[in-house]
All heavy atoms as atom14 arrays in JSON, in Angstrom:
{
  "sequence": "GISFQRCGDEMVAESMSQQHREPVQAGDVPAAARRAAAALAANWVDA",
  "atom14_mask": [
    [1, 1, 1, 1, 0, 0, 0, 0, 0, 0, 0, 0, 0, 0],
    [1, 1, 1, 1, 1, 1, 1, 1, 0, 0, 0, 0, 0, 0],
    [1, 1, 1, 1, 1, 1, 0, 0, 0, 0, 0, 0, 0, 0],
    [1, 1, 1, 1, 1, 1, 1, 1, 1, 1, 1, 0, 0, 0],
    [1, 1, 1, 1, 1, 1, 1, 1, 1, 0, 0, 0, 0, 0],
    [1, 1, 1, 1, 1, 1, 1, 1, 1, 1, 1, 0, 0, 0],
    [1, 1, 1, 1, 1, 1, 0, 0, 0, 0, 0, 0, 0, 0],
    [1, 1, 1, 1, 0, 0, 0, 0, 0, 0, 0, 0, 0, 0],
    [1, 1, 1, 1, 1, 1, 1, 1, 0, 0, 0, 0, 0, 0],
    [1, 1, 1, 1, 1, 1, 1, 1, 1, 0, 0, 0, 0, 0],
    [1, 1, 1, 1, 1, 1, 1, 1, 0, 0, 0, 0, 0, 0],
    [1, 1, 1, 1, 1, 1, 1, 0, 0, 0, 0, 0, 0, 0],
    [1, 1, 1, 1, 1, 0, 0, 0, 0, 0, 0, 0, 0, 0],
    [1, 1, 1, 1, 1, 1, 1, 1, 1, 0, 0, 0, 0, 0],
    [1, 1, 1, 1, 1, 1, 0, 0, 0, 0, 0, 0, 0, 0],
    [1, 1, 1, 1, 1, 1, 1, 1, 0, 0, 0, 0, 0, 0],
    [1, 1, 1, 1, 1, 1, 0, 0, 0, 0, 0, 0, 0, 0],
    [1, 1, 1, 1, 1, 1, 1, 1, 1, 0, 0, 0, 0, 0],
    [1, 1, 1, 1, 1, 1, 1, 1, 1, 0, 0, 0, 0, 0],
    [1, 1, 1, 1, 1, 1, 1, 1, 1, 1, 0, 0, 0, 0],
    [1, 1, 1, 1, 1, 1, 1, 1, 1, 1, 1, 0, 0, 0],
    [1, 1, 1, 1, 1, 1, 1, 1, 1, 0, 0, 0, 0, 0],
    [1, 1, 1, 1, 1, 1, 1, 0, 0, 0, 0, 0, 0, 0],
    [1, 1, 1, 1, 1, 1, 1, 0, 0, 0, 0, 0, 0, 0],
    [1, 1, 1, 1, 1, 1, 1, 1, 1, 0, 0, 0, 0, 0],
    [1, 1, 1, 1, 1, 0, 0, 0, 0, 0, 0, 0, 0, 0],
    [1, 1, 1, 1, 0, 0, 0, 0, 0, 0, 0, 0, 0, 0],
    [1, 1, 1, 1, 1, 1, 1, 1, 0, 0, 0, 0, 0, 0],
    [1, 1, 1, 1, 1, 1, 1, 0, 0, 0, 0, 0, 0, 0],
    [1, 1, 1, 1, 1, 1, 1, 0, 0, 0, 0, 0, 0, 0],
    [1, 1, 1, 1, 1, 0, 0, 0, 0, 0, 0, 0, 0, 0],
    [1, 1, 1, 1, 1, 0, 0, 0, 0, 0, 0, 0, 0, 0],
    [1, 1, 1, 1, 1, 0, 0, 0, 0, 0, 0, 0, 0, 0],
    [1, 1, 1, 1, 1, 1, 1, 1, 1, 1, 1, 0, 0, 0],
    [1, 1, 1, 1, 1, 1, 1, 1, 1, 1, 1, 0, 0, 0],
    [1, 1, 1, 1, 1, 0, 0, 0, 0, 0, 0, 0, 0, 0],
    [1, 1, 1, 1, 1, 0, 0, 0, 0, 0, 0, 0, 0, 0],
    [1, 1, 1, 1, 1, 0, 0, 0, 0, 0, 0, 0, 0, 0],
    [1, 1, 1, 1, 1, 0, 0, 0, 0, 0, 0, 0, 0, 0],
    [1, 1, 1, 1, 1, 1, 1, 1, 0, 0, 0, 0, 0, 0],
    [1, 1, 1, 1, 1, 0, 0, 0, 0, 0, 0, 0, 0, 0],
    [1, 1, 1, 1, 1, 0, 0, 0, 0, 0, 0, 0, 0, 0],
    [1, 1, 1, 1, 1, 1, 1, 1, 0, 0, 0, 0, 0, 0],
    [1, 1, 1, 1, 1, 1, 1, 1, 1, 1, 1, 1, 1, 1],
    [1, 1, 1, 1, 1, 1, 1, 0, 0, 0, 0, 0, 0, 0],
    [1, 1, 1, 1, 1, 1, 1, 1, 0, 0, 0, 0, 0, 0],
    [1, 1, 1, 1, 1, 0, 0, 0, 0, 0, 0, 0, 0, 0]
  ],
  "atom14_positions": [
    [[-31.12, 8.73, 42.43], [-31.89, 8.99, 43.65], [-31.61, 8.0, 44.77], [-32.35, 7.92, 45.74], [0.0, 0.0, 0.0], [0.0, 0.0, 0.0], [0.0, 0.0, 0.0], [0.0, 0.0, 0.0], [0.0, 0.0, 0.0], [0.0, 0.0, 0.0], [0.0, 0.0, 0.0], [0.0, 0.0, 0.0], [0.0, 0.0, 0.0], [0.0, 0.0, 0.0]],
    [[-30.51, 7.27, 44.65], [-30.13, 6.32, 45.7], [-29.69, 7.1, 46.94], [-29.01, 8.11, 46.85], [-28.99, 5.39, 45.22], [-29.52, 4.45, 44.13], [-28.39, 4.6, 46.38], [-28.44, 3.61, 43.48], [0.0, 0.0, 0.0], [0.0, 0.0, 0.0], [0.0, 0.0, 0.0], [0.0, 0.0, 0.0], [0.0, 0.0, 0.0], [0.0, 0.0, 0.0]],
    [[-30.09, 6.62, 48.1], [-29.66, 7.21, 49.37], [-29.06, 6.11, 50.25], [-29.13, 4.93, 49.92], [-30.84, 7.88, 50.07], [-31.83, 6.93, 50.38], [0.0, 0.0, 0.0], [0.0, 0.0, 0.0], [0.0, 0.0, 0.0], [0.0, 0.0, 0.0], [0.0, 0.0, 0.0], [0.0, 0.0, 0.0], [0.0, 0.0, 0.0], [0.0, 0.0, 0.0]],
    [[-28.46, 6.52, 51.37], [-27.76, 5.59, 52.26], [-28.23, 5.72, 53.69], [-28.7, 6.77, 54.11], [-26.26, 5.9, 52.31], [-25.55, 5.74, 51.03], [-25.16, 6.85, 50.31], [-25.25, 4.5, 50.55], [-24.48, 6.72, 49.13], [-24.57, 4.35, 49.35], [-24.2, 5.46, 48.66], [0.0, 0.0, 0.0], [0.0, 0.0, 0.0], [0.0, 0.0, 0.0]],
    [[-27.99, 4.65, 54.41], [-28.03, 4.71, 55.86], [-27.07, 3.64, 56.38], [-26.8, 2.66, 55.7], [-29.43, 4.5, 56.4], [-30.0, 3.12, 56.23], [-31.36, 3.0, 56.88], [-31.71, 3.75, 57.78], [-32.14, 2.06, 56.42], [0.0, 0.0, 0.0], [0.0, 0.0, 0.0], [0.0, 0.0, 0.0], [0.0, 0.0, 0.0], [0.0, 0.0, 0.0]],
    [[-26.55, 3.91, 57.56], [-25.64, 2.94, 58.16], [-26.41, 2.15, 59.2], [-27.08, 2.72, 60.05], [-24.45, 3.64, 58.8], [-23.43, 2.64, 59.32], [-22.14, 3.28, 59.67], [-21.23, 2.25, 60.15], [-19.98, 2.47, 60.44], [-19.47, 3.67, 60.29], [-19.22, 1.49, 60.88], [0.0, 0.0, 0.0], [0.0, 0.0, 0.0], [0.0, 0.0, 0.0]],
    [[-26.3, 0.84, 59.09], [-26.94, -0.07, 60.05], [-25.86, -0.95, 60.65], [-25.46, -1.95, 60.05], [-28.0, -0.93, 59.36], [-29.39, 0.01, 58.73], [0.0, 0.0, 0.0], [0.0, 0.0, 0.0], [0.0, 0.0, 0.0], [0.0, 0.0, 0.0], [0.0, 0.0, 0.0], [0.0, 0.0, 0.0], [0.0, 0.0, 0.0], [0.0, 0.0, 0.0]],
    [[-25.36, -0.55, 61.81], [-24.3, -1.31, 62.46], [-23.05, -1.33, 61.62], [-22.49, -0.29, 61.3], [0.0, 0.0, 0.0], [0.0, 0.0, 0.0], [0.0, 0.0, 0.0], [0.0, 0.0, 0.0], [0.0, 0.0, 0.0], [0.0, 0.0, 0.0], [0.0, 0.0, 0.0], [0.0, 0.0, 0.0], [0.0, 0.0, 0.0], [0.0, 0.0, 0.0]],
    [[-22.63, -2.52, 61.22], [-21.41, -2.68, 60.42], [-21.7, -2.8, 58.93], [-20.92, -3.36, 58.18], [-20.65, -3.92, 60.88], [-20.01, -3.72, 62.24], [-19.79, -2.56, 62.62], [-19.75, -4.73, 62.93], [0.0, 0.0, 0.0], [0.0, 0.0, 0.0], [0.0, 0.0, 0.0], [0.0, 0.0, 0.0], [0.0, 0.0, 0.0], [0.0, 0.0, 0.0]],
    [[-22.85, -2.28, 58.5], [-23.22, -2.33, 57.09], [-23.65, -0.95, 56.6], [-24.13, -0.13, 57.38], [-24.41, -3.27, 56.85], [-24.13, -4.73, 57.08], [-25.35, -5.57, 56.78], [-26.47, -5.2, 57.17], [-25.16, -6.62, 56.15], [0.0, 0.0, 0.0], [0.0, 0.0, 0.0], [0.0, 0.0, 0.0], [0.0, 0.0, 0.0], [0.0, 0.0, 0.0]],
    [[-23.45, -0.74, 55.32], [-24.04, 0.43, 54.65], [-25.19, -0.11, 53.81], [-25.06, -1.13, 53.14], [-23.02, 1.12, 53.74], [-21.99, 1.93, 54.47], [-22.68, 3.25, 55.49], [-23.4, 4.33, 54.27], [0.0, 0.0, 0.0], [0.0, 0.0, 0.0], [0.0, 0.0, 0.0], [0.0, 0.0, 0.0], [0.0, 0.0, 0.0], [0.0, 0.0, 0.0]],
    [[-26.31, 0.59, 53.86], [-27.49, 0.18, 53.11], [-27.8, 1.27, 52.08], [-28.02, 2.42, 52.45], [-28.7, -0.04, 54.03], [-29.91, -0.49, 53.23], [-28.37, -1.06, 55.12], [0.0, 0.0, 0.0], [0.0, 0.0, 0.0], [0.0, 0.0, 0.0], [0.0, 0.0, 0.0], [0.0, 0.0, 0.0], [0.0, 0.0, 0.0], [0.0, 0.0, 0.0]],
    [[-27.8, 0.88, 50.82], [-28.2, 1.78, 49.74], [-29.67, 1.49, 49.45], [-30.07, 0.33, 49.37], [-27.36, 1.56, 48.5], [0.0, 0.0, 0.0], [0.0, 0.0, 0.0], [0.0, 0.0, 0.0], [0.0, 0.0, 0.0], [0.0, 0.0, 0.0], [0.0, 0.0, 0.0], [0.0, 0.0, 0.0], [0.0, 0.0, 0.0], [0.0, 0.0, 0.0]],
    [[-30.47, 2.56, 49.32], [-31.91, 2.38, 49.11], [-32.41, 3.29, 48.0], [-31.94, 4.41, 47.85], [-32.67, 2.71, 50.38], [-32.3, 1.87, 51.57], [-33.0, 2.3, 52.83], [-32.97, 3.49, 53.17], [-33.59, 1.41, 53.47], [0.0, 0.0, 0.0], [0.0, 0.0, 0.0], [0.0, 0.0, 0.0], [0.0, 0.0, 0.0], [0.0, 0.0, 0.0]],
    [[-33.38, 2.79, 47.27], [-34.11, 3.58, 46.29], [-35.46, 2.93, 46.09], [-35.53, 1.72, 45.87], [-33.35, 3.66, 44.97], [-34.05, 4.48, 44.06], [0.0, 0.0, 0.0], [0.0, 0.0, 0.0], [0.0, 0.0, 0.0], [0.0, 0.0, 0.0], [0.0, 0.0, 0.0], [0.0, 0.0, 0.0], [0.0, 0.0, 0.0], [0.0, 0.0, 0.0]],
    [[-36.48, 3.74, 46.19], [-37.85, 3.24, 46.14], [-37.98, 2.14, 47.18], [-37.67, 2.37, 48.33], [-38.21, 2.82, 44.73], [-38.21, 3.99, 43.76], [-38.46, 3.5, 42.07], [-36.78, 3.19, 41.55], [0.0, 0.0, 0.0], [0.0, 0.0, 0.0], [0.0, 0.0, 0.0], [0.0, 0.0, 0.0], [0.0, 0.0, 0.0], [0.0, 0.0, 0.0]],
    [[-38.39, 0.96, 46.79], [-38.57, -0.11, 47.78], [-37.44, -1.13, 47.73], [-37.53, -2.2, 48.33], [-39.91, -0.81, 47.56], [-39.91, -1.41, 46.27], [0.0, 0.0, 0.0], [0.0, 0.0, 0.0], [0.0, 0.0, 0.0], [0.0, 0.0, 0.0], [0.0, 0.0, 0.0], [0.0, 0.0, 0.0], [0.0, 0.0, 0.0], [0.0, 0.0, 0.0]],
    [[-36.35, -0.81, 47.05], [-35.23, -1.73, 46.92], [-34.07, -1.27, 47.78], [-33.89, -0.08, 48.02], [-34.77, -1.83, 45.47], [-35.83, -2.38, 44.55], [-35.34, -2.38, 43.12], [-34.67, -1.45, 42.68], [-35.67, -3.42, 42.38], [0.0, 0.0, 0.0], [0.0, 0.0, 0.0], [0.0, 0.0, 0.0], [0.0, 0.0, 0.0], [0.0, 0.0, 0.0]],
    [[-33.28, -2.25, 48.21], [-32.07, -1.92, 48.95], [-31.0, -2.97, 48.72], [-31.29, -4.08, 48.3], [-32.34, -1.74, 50.44], [-32.86, -2.95, 51.17], [-33.02, -2.68, 52.66], [-32.59, -3.5, 53.43], [-33.63, -1.58, 53.05], [0.0, 0.0, 0.0], [0.0, 0.0, 0.0], [0.0, 0.0, 0.0], [0.0, 0.0, 0.0], [0.0, 0.0, 0.0]],
    [[-29.78, -2.55, 48.99], [-28.63, -3.45, 48.91], [-27.73, -3.15, 50.09], [-27.43, -2.0, 50.38], [-27.86, -3.26, 47.59], [-26.73, -4.22, 47.46], [-26.9, -5.49, 46.94], [-25.43, -4.13, 47.8], [-25.75, -6.13, 46.96], [-24.84, -5.31, 47.49], [0.0, 0.0, 0.0], [0.0, 0.0, 0.0], [0.0, 0.0, 0.0], [0.0, 0.0, 0.0]],
    [[-27.29, -4.2, 50.78], [-26.44, -4.06, 51.96], [-25.02, -4.51, 51.65], [-24.83, -5.51, 50.98], [-26.97, -4.93, 53.1], [-28.31, -4.49, 53.61], [-28.86, -5.48, 54.65], [-30.1, -4.97, 55.2], [-30.18, -4.24, 56.29], [-29.09, -3.95, 56.99], [-31.34, -3.81, 56.73], [0.0, 0.0, 0.0], [0.0, 0.0, 0.0], [0.0, 0.0, 0.0]],
    [[-24.06, -3.75, 52.14], [-22.65, -4.08, 51.99], [-21.96, -3.92, 53.34], [-22.16, -2.91, 54.02], [-21.96, -3.15, 50.99], [-22.21, -3.49, 49.56], [-21.53, -4.78, 49.11], [-20.45, -5.13, 49.61], [-22.11, -5.43, 48.22], [0.0, 0.0, 0.0], [0.0, 0.0, 0.0], [0.0, 0.0, 0.0], [0.0, 0.0, 0.0], [0.0, 0.0, 0.0]],
    [[-21.14, -4.9, 53.73], [-20.42, -4.77, 54.99], [-19.32, -3.71, 54.9], [-18.72, -3.52, 53.85], [-19.81, -6.16, 55.2], [-19.72, -6.75, 53.84], [-20.86, -6.17, 53.06], [0.0, 0.0, 0.0], [0.0, 0.0, 0.0], [0.0, 0.0, 0.0], [0.0, 0.0, 0.0], [0.0, 0.0, 0.0], [0.0, 0.0, 0.0], [0.0, 0.0, 0.0]],
    [[-19.1, -3.02, 56.01], [-17.98, -2.09, 56.11], [-16.74, -2.93, 56.42], [-16.72, -3.67, 57.4], [-18.22, -1.04, 57.23], [-16.99, -0.17, 57.41], [-19.45, -0.22, 56.93], [0.0, 0.0, 0.0], [0.0, 0.0, 0.0], [0.0, 0.0, 0.0], [0.0, 0.0, 0.0], [0.0, 0.0, 0.0], [0.0, 0.0, 0.0], [0.0, 0.0, 0.0]],
    [[-15.75, -2.83, 55.54], [-14.53, -3.63, 55.7], [-13.38, -2.72, 56.08], [-13.16, -1.68, 55.44], [-14.22, -4.37, 54.39], [-15.32, -5.33, 54.0], [-15.12, -5.9, 52.6], [-14.22, -5.51, 51.86], [-15.98, -6.84, 52.25], [0.0, 0.0, 0.0], [0.0, 0.0, 0.0], [0.0, 0.0, 0.0], [0.0, 0.0, 0.0], [0.0, 0.0, 0.0]],
    [[-12.65, -3.11, 57.1], [-11.47, -2.37, 57.58], [-11.8, -0.91, 57.88], [-10.99, -0.02, 57.68], [-10.33, -2.47, 56.57], [0.0, 0.0, 0.0], [0.0, 0.0, 0.0], [0.0, 0.0, 0.0], [0.0, 0.0, 0.0], [0.0, 0.0, 0.0], [0.0, 0.0, 0.0], [0.0, 0.0, 0.0], [0.0, 0.0, 0.0], [0.0, 0.0, 0.0]],
    [[-13.03, -0.65, 58.32], [-13.43, 0.69, 58.71], [-13.67, 1.65, 57.55], [-13.89, 2.84, 57.77], [0.0, 0.0, 0.0], [0.0, 0.0, 0.0], [0.0, 0.0, 0.0], [0.0, 0.0, 0.0], [0.0, 0.0, 0.0], [0.0, 0.0, 0.0], [0.0, 0.0, 0.0], [0.0, 0.0, 0.0], [0.0, 0.0, 0.0], [0.0, 0.0, 0.0]],
    [[-13.64, 1.17, 56.31], [-13.79, 2.03, 55.13], [-15.26, 2.18, 54.76], [-15.79, 1.49, 53.88], [-12.98, 1.46, 53.96], [-12.8, 2.47, 52.83], [-13.47, 3.52, 52.85], [-11.99, 2.18, 51.94], [0.0, 0.0, 0.0], [0.0, 0.0, 0.0], [0.0, 0.0, 0.0], [0.0, 0.0, 0.0], [0.0, 0.0, 0.0], [0.0, 0.0, 0.0]],
    [[-15.93, 3.12, 55.44], [-17.36, 3.37, 55.23], [-17.63, 3.9, 53.82], [-18.57, 3.42, 53.16], [-17.91, 4.33, 56.31], [-19.35, 4.7, 56.03], [-17.78, 3.68, 57.69], [0.0, 0.0, 0.0], [0.0, 0.0, 0.0], [0.0, 0.0, 0.0], [0.0, 0.0, 0.0], [0.0, 0.0, 0.0], [0.0, 0.0, 0.0], [0.0, 0.0, 0.0]],
    [[-16.86, 4.86, 53.29], [-17.14, 5.32, 51.93], [-17.05, 4.22, 50.88], [-17.85, 4.18, 49.94], [-16.07, 6.4, 51.68], [-15.75, 6.91, 53.05], [-15.82, 5.69, 53.93], [0.0, 0.0, 0.0], [0.0, 0.0, 0.0], [0.0, 0.0, 0.0], [0.0, 0.0, 0.0], [0.0, 0.0, 0.0], [0.0, 0.0, 0.0], [0.0, 0.0, 0.0]],
    [[-16.1, 3.3, 51.02], [-16.0, 2.19, 50.05], [-17.22, 1.29, 50.13], [-17.74, 0.85, 49.09], [-14.73, 1.38, 50.3], [0.0, 0.0, 0.0], [0.0, 0.0, 0.0], [0.0, 0.0, 0.0], [0.0, 0.0, 0.0], [0.0, 0.0, 0.0], [0.0, 0.0, 0.0], [0.0, 0.0, 0.0], [0.0, 0.0, 0.0], [0.0, 0.0, 0.0]],
    [[-17.71, 1.03, 51.33], [-18.92, 0.22, 51.48], [-20.12, 0.92, 50.86], [-20.96, 0.28, 50.21], [-19.17, -0.08, 52.95], [0.0, 0.0, 0.0], [0.0, 0.0, 0.0], [0.0, 0.0, 0.0], [0.0, 0.0, 0.0], [0.0, 0.0, 0.0], [0.0, 0.0, 0.0], [0.0, 0.0, 0.0], [0.0, 0.0, 0.0], [0.0, 0.0, 0.0]],
    [[-20.19, 2.24, 51.03], [-21.29, 3.0, 50.43], [-21.22, 2.96, 48.91], [-22.25, 2.78, 48.24], [-21.25, 4.44, 50.93], [0.0, 0.0, 0.0], [0.0, 0.0, 0.0], [0.0, 0.0, 0.0], [0.0, 0.0, 0.0], [0.0, 0.0, 0.0], [0.0, 0.0, 0.0], [0.0, 0.0, 0.0], [0.0, 0.0, 0.0], [0.0, 0.0, 0.0]],
    [[-20.02, 3.1, 48.35], [-19.87, 3.04, 46.89], [-20.25, 1.66, 46.37], [-20.95, 1.54, 45.35], [-18.43, 3.39, 46.48], [-18.08, 4.85, 46.67], [-16.75, 5.22, 46.01], [-15.63, 4.38, 46.45], [-14.85, 4.68, 47.49], [-15.04, 5.78, 48.2], [-13.84, 3.89, 47.79], [0.0, 0.0, 0.0], [0.0, 0.0, 0.0], [0.0, 0.0, 0.0]],
    [[-19.83, 0.6, 47.06], [-20.19, -0.76, 46.63], [-21.69, -0.97, 46.69], [-22.29, -1.55, 45.78], [-19.49, -1.8, 47.51], [-18.01, -1.98, 47.24], [-17.44, -3.22, 47.92], [-17.82, -3.37, 49.31], [-17.16, -2.86, 50.35], [-16.08, -2.12, 50.15], [-17.58, -3.06, 51.58], [0.0, 0.0, 0.0], [0.0, 0.0, 0.0], [0.0, 0.0, 0.0]],
    [[-22.32, -0.51, 47.75], [-23.77, -0.69, 47.9], [-24.54, 0.05, 46.81], [-25.47, -0.5, 46.2], [-24.22, -0.21, 49.29], [0.0, 0.0, 0.0], [0.0, 0.0, 0.0], [0.0, 0.0, 0.0], [0.0, 0.0, 0.0], [0.0, 0.0, 0.0], [0.0, 0.0, 0.0], [0.0, 0.0, 0.0], [0.0, 0.0, 0.0], [0.0, 0.0, 0.0]],
    [[-24.15, 1.29, 46.52], [-24.83, 2.07, 45.49], [-24.65, 1.45, 44.11], [-25.61, 1.32, 43.34], [-24.32, 3.51, 45.49], [0.0, 0.0, 0.0], [0.0, 0.0, 0.0], [0.0, 0.0, 0.0], [0.0, 0.0, 0.0], [0.0, 0.0, 0.0], [0.0, 0.0, 0.0], [0.0, 0.0, 0.0], [0.0, 0.0, 0.0], [0.0, 0.0, 0.0]],
    [[-23.42, 1.07, 43.78], [-23.16, 0.49, 42.46], [-23.89, -0.84, 42.29], [-24.48, -1.1, 41.24], [-21.66, 0.3, 42.25], [0.0, 0.0, 0.0], [0.0, 0.0, 0.0], [0.0, 0.0, 0.0], [0.0, 0.0, 0.0], [0.0, 0.0, 0.0], [0.0, 0.0, 0.0], [0.0, 0.0, 0.0], [0.0, 0.0, 0.0], [0.0, 0.0, 0.0]],
    [[-23.91, -1.66, 43.32], [-24.59, -2.95, 43.23], [-26.1, -2.78, 43.09], [-26.74, -3.48, 42.29], [-24.26, -3.8, 44.45], [0.0, 0.0, 0.0], [0.0, 0.0, 0.0], [0.0, 0.0, 0.0], [0.0, 0.0, 0.0], [0.0, 0.0, 0.0], [0.0, 0.0, 0.0], [0.0, 0.0, 0.0], [0.0, 0.0, 0.0], [0.0, 0.0, 0.0]],
    [[-26.68, -1.85, 43.85], [-28.11, -1.61, 43.73], [-28.46, -1.14, 42.33], [-29.37, -1.68, 41.69], [-28.57, -0.58, 44.77], [-30.05, -0.2, 44.72], [-30.94, -1.42, 44.96], [-30.35, 0.88, 45.76], [0.0, 0.0, 0.0], [0.0, 0.0, 0.0], [0.0, 0.0, 0.0], [0.0, 0.0, 0.0], [0.0, 0.0, 0.0], [0.0, 0.0, 0.0]],
    [[-27.73, -0.15, 41.81], [-28.01, 0.36, 40.47], [-27.78, -0.72, 39.41], [-28.57, -0.86, 38.48], [-27.14, 1.58, 40.19], [0.0, 0.0, 0.0], [0.0, 0.0, 0.0], [0.0, 0.0, 0.0], [0.0, 0.0, 0.0], [0.0, 0.0, 0.0], [0.0, 0.0, 0.0], [0.0, 0.0, 0.0], [0.0, 0.0, 0.0], [0.0, 0.0, 0.0]],
    [[-26.71, -1.49, 39.55], [-26.41, -2.54, 38.57], [-27.52, -3.57, 38.49], [-27.78, -4.12, 37.4], [-25.09, -3.22, 38.92], [0.0, 0.0, 0.0], [0.0, 0.0, 0.0], [0.0, 0.0, 0.0], [0.0, 0.0, 0.0], [0.0, 0.0, 0.0], [0.0, 0.0, 0.0], [0.0, 0.0, 0.0], [0.0, 0.0, 0.0], [0.0, 0.0, 0.0]],
    [[-28.2, -3.81, 39.58], [-29.31, -4.77, 39.59], [-30.49, -4.32, 38.74], [-31.34, -5.12, 38.38], [-29.78, -5.05, 41.02], [-28.81, -5.94, 41.76], [-28.1, -6.74, 41.17], [-28.76, -5.78, 43.06], [0.0, 0.0, 0.0], [0.0, 0.0, 0.0], [0.0, 0.0, 0.0], [0.0, 0.0, 0.0], [0.0, 0.0, 0.0], [0.0, 0.0, 0.0]],
    [[-30.55, -3.04, 38.41], [-31.65, -2.52, 37.6], [-31.48, -2.81, 36.12], [-32.41, -2.65, 35.34], [-31.81, -1.03, 37.81], [-32.15, -0.64, 39.21], [-32.71, -1.42, 40.17], [-31.92, 0.63, 39.81], [-32.84, -0.72, 41.34], [-32.37, 0.54, 41.15], [-31.39, 1.83, 39.36], [-32.32, 1.62, 42.03], [-31.33, 2.89, 40.23], [-31.78, 2.79, 41.55]],
    [[-30.28, -3.2, 35.71], [-30.02, -3.51, 34.3], [-30.23, -5.01, 34.12], [-29.62, -5.82, 34.81], [-28.59, -3.1, 33.9], [-28.29, -3.51, 32.46], [-28.41, -1.61, 34.08], [0.0, 0.0, 0.0], [0.0, 0.0, 0.0], [0.0, 0.0, 0.0], [0.0, 0.0, 0.0], [0.0, 0.0, 0.0], [0.0, 0.0, 0.0], [0.0, 0.0, 0.0]],
    [[-31.09, -5.36, 33.18], [-31.43, -6.76, 32.93], [-30.2, -7.52, 32.45], [-29.65, -7.24, 31.39], [-32.54, -6.82, 31.88], [-33.03, -8.23, 31.61], [-32.53, -9.19, 32.23], [-33.94, -8.38, 30.77], [0.0, 0.0, 0.0], [0.0, 0.0, 0.0], [0.0, 0.0, 0.0], [0.0, 0.0, 0.0], [0.0, 0.0, 0.0], [0.0, 0.0, 0.0]],
    [[-29.78, -8.5, 33.23], [-28.58, -9.28, 32.9], [-28.78, -10.13, 31.65], [-27.81, -10.52, 31.01], [-28.21, -10.17, 34.08], [0.0, 0.0, 0.0], [0.0, 0.0, 0.0], [0.0, 0.0, 0.0], [0.0, 0.0, 0.0], [0.0, 0.0, 0.0], [0.0, 0.0, 0.0], [0.0, 0.0, 0.0], [0.0, 0.0, 0.0], [0.0, 0.0, 0.0]]
  ]
}
């Protein structure tokens, strides 16, 4: 259920009240979105 929004030069992945921001590098918005989603979800697994 993760969703996205673009805030300037960042992609923000959000779910419930959590979010993760990733910078857009070299204009590659989809890569930034994938990194943001994976990082947000990965944070839900207890390290």
